[in-house]
Amino acid sequence: MALLEVEDVKIYYYTLKGIVKAVDGVSFSLEKGEVLGIAGESGSGKSTLAWGLLGLVPPPGRIVSGAIRLDGEDITRLSEAELRRRVRWKRISMIFQGAMNVLTPVYTVGRQMVETMVVQGGMSEEEARARAFELLESVGLDRSIFYRYPHELSGGQKQRVVIAMALSLEPDIVIADEPTTALDVIVQAQILNLLKRLQREKGISFILISHDLGIIAELADKVMVMYAGKVVEYGPADIVLRRPRHPYSYLLLQSFPRLRGPRVLRYIPGTPPDLRNPPSGCRFHPRCPVAVERCEREEPPLERLGEGHYVACWRSRDGVEEIEKMEARMMGEAAGGS
């Protein structure tokens, strides 16, 4: 049995202008000690899914249907009090996006860390204080950080504090939502190395959410690509990142530069759809360069292509190859014109 199993989860926002289908039938599993990378453009449903796993979807959103099983128990059926007592921070915790906005500016780092452990973990003040010093050192920070206010810290220090807080009650799963946002490349590398070390030494399972495929490639064992609230591709990282079979996954990868080999950077024309009224059929078809009539009429199921590799595309067998041929022709015409 997997540590976490998410089955056909739907999370909708009920607004005055209509129902926003932010997460619409997402399924995946996570093993102990495994890292799952979730990729996709802004608005694809990545962060909403993360909030859903913690039972913290902000109003007017709610989990409409589906199951989230932690060690076989469906936690969507737990009350708010049970979730707070048994799951949040103890079993599943989160490194929130934008550490600058997470920490309370009028409290010291130490007060915020201790309060979490006393209220959520039932520790005494003395135990929580000792644990806070231990956590700060484990993420490479000096004990003096305990007495400082957030405005006295650099961006990288704040992010490490947030990571330490996420680990305070020794959870089984840590969700890292854009953990390197707004950090320079040197600090990004330090944070990624820290996450790798924590995963290796403590056996923590991570769900890494990012639009940066380079970060996901660095850490993930499995990759799930989301588009407009749907999973379009899911499987082992070396397969999805090296040989994607969904046109969206392929074009997303083409938008990132490579260190070696020739590469013409691509962008995906158009914008993500309005999830109050998503397109019929495949939600990517209005932007897909190889869409056919069937793509407009019928929604493709998530089908297995290989060992643990799933793709939701009617053209999963030949679509990417056709895009590659189109690109080769365009490059040839450009070279001939010059």
Protein backbone atom coordinates (compact mmCIF):
# COMPACT_ATOMS: atom_id res chain seq x y z
CA MET A 1 0.00 0.00 0.00
CA ALA A 2 1.28 3.46 -0.92
CA LEU A 3 1.82 6.03 1.82
CA LEU A 4 -0.54 8.48 0.03
CA GLU A 5 -3.15 7.64 -2.59
CA VAL A 6 -5.14 10.39 -4.29
CA GLU A 7 -8.11 9.11 -6.27
CA ASP A 8 -10.21 11.19 -8.68
CA VAL A 9 -10.09 14.33 -6.51
CA LYS A 10 -12.15 17.32 -7.62
CA ILE A 11 -11.77 20.74 -5.99
CA TYR A 12 -14.08 23.51 -7.20
CA TYR A 13 -14.45 27.18 -6.27
CA TYR A 14 -18.08 28.31 -6.11
CA THR A 15 -17.92 31.97 -7.14
CA LEU A 16 -20.63 34.46 -8.07
CA LYS A 17 -19.42 34.29 -11.68
CA GLY A 18 -19.56 30.51 -11.91
CA ILE A 19 -17.95 27.28 -10.72
CA VAL A 20 -14.16 27.22 -11.20
CA LYS A 21 -13.03 23.62 -11.72
CA ALA A 22 -9.52 24.18 -10.36
CA VAL A 23 -8.72 20.48 -9.82
CA ASP A 24 -10.89 18.16 -11.89
CA GLY A 25 -10.33 14.43 -11.36
CA VAL A 26 -6.69 14.12 -10.25
CA SER A 27 -5.21 10.76 -9.20
CA PHE A 28 -1.69 9.75 -8.12
CA SER A 29 0.19 7.82 -5.45
CA LEU A 30 3.25 8.54 -3.30
CA GLU A 31 5.52 5.95 -1.68
CA LYS A 32 7.53 6.43 1.49
CA GLY A 33 10.78 8.29 0.78
CA GLU A 34 9.68 9.19 -2.76
CA VAL A 35 9.72 12.64 -4.41
CA LEU A 36 6.85 13.54 -6.73
CA GLY A 37 7.31 16.63 -8.88
CA ILE A 38 4.17 18.45 -10.05
CA ALA A 39 4.68 20.77 -13.03
CA GLY A 40 2.48 23.08 -15.04
CA GLU A 41 1.73 26.71 -15.85
CA SER A 42 0.22 29.10 -13.33
CA GLY A 43 -3.46 28.31 -12.96
CA SER A 44 -3.08 24.59 -13.66
CA GLY A 45 -4.30 23.62 -10.18
CA LYS A 46 -0.99 22.68 -8.53
CA SER A 47 -1.30 24.82 -5.39
CA THR A 48 -5.03 24.15 -5.01
CA LEU A 49 -4.25 20.43 -5.01
CA ALA A 50 -1.63 21.00 -2.28
CA TRP A 51 -4.12 22.92 -0.13
CA GLY A 52 -6.61 20.11 -0.68
CA LEU A 53 -4.18 17.50 0.66
CA LEU A 54 -4.04 19.46 3.92
CA GLY A 55 -7.79 20.12 4.01
CA LEU A 56 -7.12 23.85 3.77
CA VAL A 57 -8.83 24.84 0.52
CA PRO A 58 -9.75 28.53 1.04
CA PRO A 59 -13.42 29.57 0.67
CA PRO A 60 -15.35 29.56 -1.59
CA GLY A 61 -13.51 26.38 -2.60
CA ARG A 62 -14.13 22.86 -1.39
CA ILE A 63 -13.31 19.24 -2.17
CA VAL A 64 -16.32 18.08 -4.20
CA SER A 65 -15.49 14.40 -4.56
CA GLY A 66 -12.72 11.83 -4.57
CA ALA A 67 -10.55 10.26 -1.89
CA ILE A 68 -7.22 11.20 -0.27
CA ARG A 69 -5.96 8.08 1.52
CA LEU A 70 -3.11 8.36 4.03
CA ASP A 71 -2.00 4.84 5.02
CA GLY A 72 -5.33 3.62 3.66
CA GLU A 73 -7.52 6.08 5.63
CA ASP A 74 -9.57 8.60 3.63
CA ILE A 75 -8.72 11.89 5.34
CA THR A 76 -11.39 13.80 3.38
CA ARG A 77 -13.91 12.17 5.75
CA LEU A 78 -12.19 13.53 8.88
CA SER A 79 -13.59 16.52 10.74
CA GLU A 80 -11.64 19.78 10.92
CA ALA A 81 -10.69 19.01 14.53
CA GLU A 82 -9.42 15.52 13.59
CA LEU A 83 -7.43 16.88 10.64
CA ARG A 84 -5.78 19.44 12.90
CA ARG A 85 -5.07 16.93 15.65
CA ARG A 86 -3.96 13.94 13.60
CA VAL A 87 -2.80 15.03 10.12
CA ARG A 88 -1.59 18.62 9.72
CA TRP A 89 2.09 19.10 10.52
CA LYS A 90 2.23 15.63 12.16
CA ARG A 91 1.68 13.53 9.02
CA ILE A 92 1.58 16.12 6.20
CA SER A 93 3.20 19.55 6.39
CA MET A 94 3.88 22.28 3.86
CA ILE A 95 6.66 24.63 2.84
CA PHE A 96 4.53 27.53 1.70
CA GLN A 97 5.16 29.57 -1.42
CA GLY A 98 6.91 32.87 -0.67
CA ALA A 99 8.62 32.64 2.73
CA MET A 100 8.56 36.45 2.96
CA ASN A 101 4.76 36.33 3.33
CA VAL A 102 4.55 33.27 5.58
CA LEU A 103 6.37 34.48 8.70
CA THR A 104 4.56 36.91 11.03
CA PRO A 105 6.65 40.14 11.03
CA VAL A 106 5.90 41.13 14.65
CA TYR A 107 7.00 37.82 16.22
CA THR A 108 10.52 36.45 16.51
CA VAL A 109 11.39 33.30 14.59
CA GLY A 110 11.68 31.42 17.88
CA ARG A 111 8.21 32.41 19.07
CA GLN A 112 6.64 31.23 15.82
CA MET A 113 8.48 27.91 15.88
CA VAL A 114 7.73 27.23 19.56
CA GLU A 115 4.05 28.15 19.22
CA THR A 116 3.57 25.60 16.43
CA MET A 117 5.11 22.80 18.47
CA VAL A 118 3.26 23.67 21.68
CA VAL A 119 -0.18 24.05 20.06
CA GLN A 120 0.04 21.33 17.40
CA GLY A 121 2.53 18.95 18.99
CA GLY A 122 1.55 19.21 22.65
CA MET A 123 5.15 19.92 23.73
CA SER A 124 6.14 21.96 26.72
CA GLU A 125 7.77 25.36 26.09
CA GLU A 126 11.13 23.96 27.17
CA GLU A 127 10.87 20.92 24.87
CA ALA A 128 9.74 23.08 21.95
CA ARG A 129 12.61 25.52 22.48
CA ALA A 130 15.19 22.72 22.47
CA ARG A 131 13.59 21.23 19.36
CA ALA A 132 13.64 24.65 17.61
CA PHE A 133 17.40 25.03 18.17
CA GLU A 134 17.92 21.52 16.81
CA LEU A 135 15.81 22.24 13.73
CA LEU A 136 17.59 25.52 12.95
CA GLU A 137 20.95 23.76 13.05
CA SER A 138 19.62 20.92 10.87
CA VAL A 139 18.81 23.39 8.07
CA GLY A 140 22.19 25.13 8.34
CA LEU A 141 21.22 28.15 10.46
CA ASP A 142 22.85 29.52 13.59
CA ARG A 143 20.94 29.36 16.89
CA SER A 144 20.93 33.16 17.02
CA ILE A 145 18.24 33.13 14.30
CA PHE A 146 15.83 31.98 17.03
CA TYR A 147 15.88 35.48 18.57
CA ARG A 148 15.57 37.46 15.32
CA TYR A 149 12.57 38.95 13.55
CA PRO A 150 11.81 37.97 9.92
CA HIS A 151 12.87 41.39 8.56
CA GLU A 152 16.37 40.77 9.93
CA LEU A 153 16.83 37.68 7.74
CA SER A 154 17.81 37.24 4.10
CA GLY A 155 15.49 35.49 1.65
CA GLY A 156 17.45 32.25 1.89
CA GLN A 157 17.42 32.35 5.70
CA LYS A 158 13.65 32.89 5.74
CA GLN A 159 13.15 29.93 3.42
CA ARG A 160 15.29 27.72 5.67
CA VAL A 161 13.24 28.82 8.68
CA VAL A 162 10.03 27.84 6.86
CA ILE A 163 11.56 24.45 6.01
CA ALA A 164 12.55 23.98 9.67
CA MET A 165 8.98 24.80 10.75
CA ALA A 166 7.59 22.27 8.26
CA LEU A 167 9.81 19.59 9.83
CA SER A 168 9.03 20.51 13.44
CA LEU A 169 6.66 17.59 14.14
CA GLU A 170 8.53 15.05 11.98
CA PRO A 171 5.90 14.57 9.25
CA ASP A 172 5.87 11.68 6.79
CA ILE A 173 5.11 13.95 3.81
CA VAL A 174 6.28 17.49 3.11
CA ILE A 175 4.66 19.53 0.33
CA ALA A 176 7.10 22.11 -1.06
CA ASP A 177 5.19 24.74 -3.06
CA GLU A 178 7.66 26.69 -5.22
CA PRO A 179 10.36 26.44 -2.50
CA THR A 180 12.92 28.53 -4.44
CA THR A 181 10.69 31.38 -5.63
CA ALA A 182 12.37 34.83 -5.52
CA LEU A 183 15.76 33.37 -4.54
CA ASP A 184 18.95 33.87 -6.52
CA VAL A 185 20.54 30.85 -8.20
CA ILE A 186 23.18 30.32 -5.48
CA VAL A 187 20.58 30.22 -2.70
CA GLN A 188 18.33 28.06 -4.90
CA ALA A 189 21.11 25.49 -5.17
CA GLN A 190 21.61 25.56 -1.39
CA ILE A 191 17.89 25.01 -0.74
CA LEU A 192 17.72 22.14 -3.26
CA ASN A 193 20.76 20.47 -1.69
CA LEU A 194 19.14 20.86 1.73
CA LEU A 195 15.91 19.20 0.54
CA LYS A 196 17.89 16.35 -1.03
CA ARG A 197 19.81 15.81 2.22
CA LEU A 198 16.64 15.83 4.33
CA GLN A 199 14.97 13.35 2.00
CA ARG A 200 18.00 11.06 2.06
CA GLU A 201 18.69 11.22 5.81
CA LYS A 202 15.14 11.29 7.19
CA GLY A 203 13.28 9.30 4.53
CA ILE A 204 10.69 12.04 4.09
CA SER A 205 8.36 11.86 1.10
CA PHE A 206 8.20 15.16 -0.80
CA ILE A 207 5.63 16.61 -3.16
CA LEU A 208 7.56 19.28 -5.04
CA ILE A 209 5.40 21.84 -6.85
CA SER A 210 7.14 24.04 -9.41
CA HIS A 211 6.82 25.58 -12.85
CA ASP A 212 10.61 25.18 -13.13
CA LEU A 213 11.31 21.81 -14.71
CA GLY A 214 15.02 22.14 -13.91
CA ILE A 215 14.23 22.00 -10.18
CA ILE A 216 11.90 19.04 -10.66
CA ALA A 217 14.54 17.20 -12.72
CA GLU A 218 17.03 17.71 -9.89
CA LEU A 219 14.89 16.10 -7.18
CA ALA A 220 11.91 14.12 -8.46
CA ASP A 221 11.51 10.35 -8.78
CA LYS A 222 8.13 10.75 -10.50
CA VAL A 223 6.66 13.68 -12.42
CA MET A 224 3.03 14.71 -12.85
CA VAL A 225 2.24 17.36 -15.47
CA MET A 226 -1.00 19.29 -14.95
CA TYR A 227 -2.89 21.49 -17.35
CA ALA A 228 -6.17 23.32 -16.62
CA GLY A 229 -6.96 21.21 -13.56
CA LYS A 230 -6.22 17.88 -15.26
CA VAL A 231 -3.30 15.44 -15.23
CA VAL A 232 -1.99 15.18 -18.80
CA GLU A 233 1.08 13.05 -18.12
CA TYR A 234 2.36 11.08 -15.13
CA GLY A 235 5.25 8.68 -14.70
CA PRO A 236 8.92 8.11 -13.82
CA ALA A 237 10.94 11.32 -14.04
CA ASP A 238 13.52 9.93 -16.47
CA ILE A 239 10.76 8.97 -18.94
CA VAL A 240 8.54 12.07 -18.66
CA LEU A 241 11.46 14.51 -18.80
CA ARG A 242 13.51 12.72 -21.46
CA ARG A 243 10.78 11.41 -23.73
CA PRO A 244 7.41 13.06 -22.99
CA ARG A 245 4.42 11.77 -24.95
CA HIS A 246 1.92 14.58 -24.38
CA PRO A 247 2.34 17.65 -26.64
CA TYR A 248 1.93 19.98 -23.64
CA SER A 249 4.69 18.22 -21.67
CA TYR A 250 6.93 18.35 -24.73
CA LEU A 251 6.33 22.06 -25.40
CA LEU A 252 6.78 22.87 -21.70
CA LEU A 253 10.21 21.22 -21.82
CA GLN A 254 11.07 23.07 -25.03
CA SER A 255 10.56 26.39 -23.24
CA PHE A 256 13.58 25.75 -20.98
CA PRO A 257 17.19 26.15 -22.19
CA ARG A 258 19.66 23.26 -22.12
CA LEU A 259 23.30 23.50 -21.16
CA ARG A 260 24.39 21.14 -23.94
CA GLY A 261 23.29 20.72 -27.51
CA PRO A 262 21.43 23.05 -29.89
CA ARG A 263 18.05 24.30 -28.76
CA VAL A 264 15.59 26.77 -30.22
CA LEU A 265 13.45 27.96 -27.32
CA ARG A 266 9.73 27.58 -27.90
CA TYR A 267 6.72 29.17 -26.28
CA ILE A 268 3.18 27.84 -26.17
CA PRO A 269 0.85 30.24 -28.02
CA GLY A 270 -2.35 31.34 -26.34
CA THR A 271 -3.32 31.27 -22.68
CA PRO A 272 -4.75 28.66 -20.30
CA PRO A 273 -8.55 28.35 -20.52
CA ASP A 274 -11.14 29.87 -18.22
CA LEU A 275 -11.89 27.00 -15.82
CA ARG A 276 -15.45 28.24 -15.33
CA ASN A 277 -16.09 27.16 -18.89
CA PRO A 278 -13.27 24.87 -20.05
CA PRO A 279 -13.04 23.74 -23.69
CA SER A 280 -14.80 20.55 -24.75
CA GLY A 281 -12.72 17.46 -25.38
CA CYS A 282 -9.05 17.82 -24.50
CA ARG A 283 -8.55 21.08 -22.61
CA PHE A 284 -5.25 21.69 -24.39
CA HIS A 285 -6.61 21.33 -27.92
CA PRO A 286 -7.06 25.11 -28.62
CA ARG A 287 -3.28 25.57 -28.12
CA CYS A 288 -2.05 22.21 -29.45
CA PRO A 289 -0.25 22.31 -32.82
CA VAL A 290 -1.20 18.70 -33.66
CA ALA A 291 -4.83 18.61 -32.46
CA VAL A 292 -7.33 16.74 -34.63
CA GLU A 293 -11.13 16.79 -34.72
CA ARG A 294 -11.41 14.04 -32.10
CA CYS A 295 -9.44 16.19 -29.64
CA GLU A 296 -12.14 18.86 -29.83
CA ARG A 297 -15.03 16.40 -29.29
CA GLU A 298 -13.81 13.75 -26.82
CA GLU A 299 -11.85 14.08 -23.59
CA PRO A 300 -8.91 11.63 -23.64
CA PRO A 301 -8.59 9.26 -20.67
CA LEU A 302 -5.32 8.86 -18.76
CA GLU A 303 -4.01 5.68 -20.43
CA ARG A 304 -0.98 3.58 -19.58
CA LEU A 305 1.79 3.65 -22.19
CA GLY A 306 4.48 1.81 -20.26
CA GLU A 307 5.58 0.81 -16.77
CA GLY A 308 4.06 3.48 -14.52
CA HIS A 309 3.78 5.93 -17.45
CA TYR A 310 0.34 7.44 -18.17
CA VAL A 311 -0.70 9.99 -20.81
CA ALA A 312 -4.05 11.67 -21.57
CA CYS A 313 -3.78 12.35 -25.30
CA TRP A 314 -5.42 10.91 -28.41
CA ARG A 315 -2.11 11.41 -30.24
CA SER A 316 0.25 10.03 -27.60
CA ARG A 317 1.78 7.64 -30.16
CA ASP A 318 2.66 10.14 -32.88
CA GLY A 319 1.87 13.71 -31.77
CA VAL A 320 5.29 14.61 -30.35
CA GLU A 321 7.05 13.22 -33.45
CA GLU A 322 4.86 15.41 -35.67
CA ILE A 323 5.76 18.49 -33.61
CA GLU A 324 9.45 17.61 -33.96
CA LYS A 325 9.05 17.34 -37.75
CA MET A 326 7.27 20.71 -37.86
CA GLU A 327 10.11 22.29 -35.85
CA ALA A 328 12.73 20.74 -38.13
CA ARG A 329 10.97 22.17 -41.20
CA MET A 330 10.75 25.60 -39.58
CA MET A 331 14.46 25.55 -38.69
CA GLY A 332 15.32 24.44 -42.24
CA GLU A 333 13.25 27.23 -43.78
CA ALA A 334 14.82 29.78 -41.41
CA ALA A 335 18.33 28.58 -42.29
CA GLY A 336 17.51 28.71 -46.00
CA GLY A 337 16.12 32.23 -45.72
CA SER A 338 19.25 33.49 -44.00
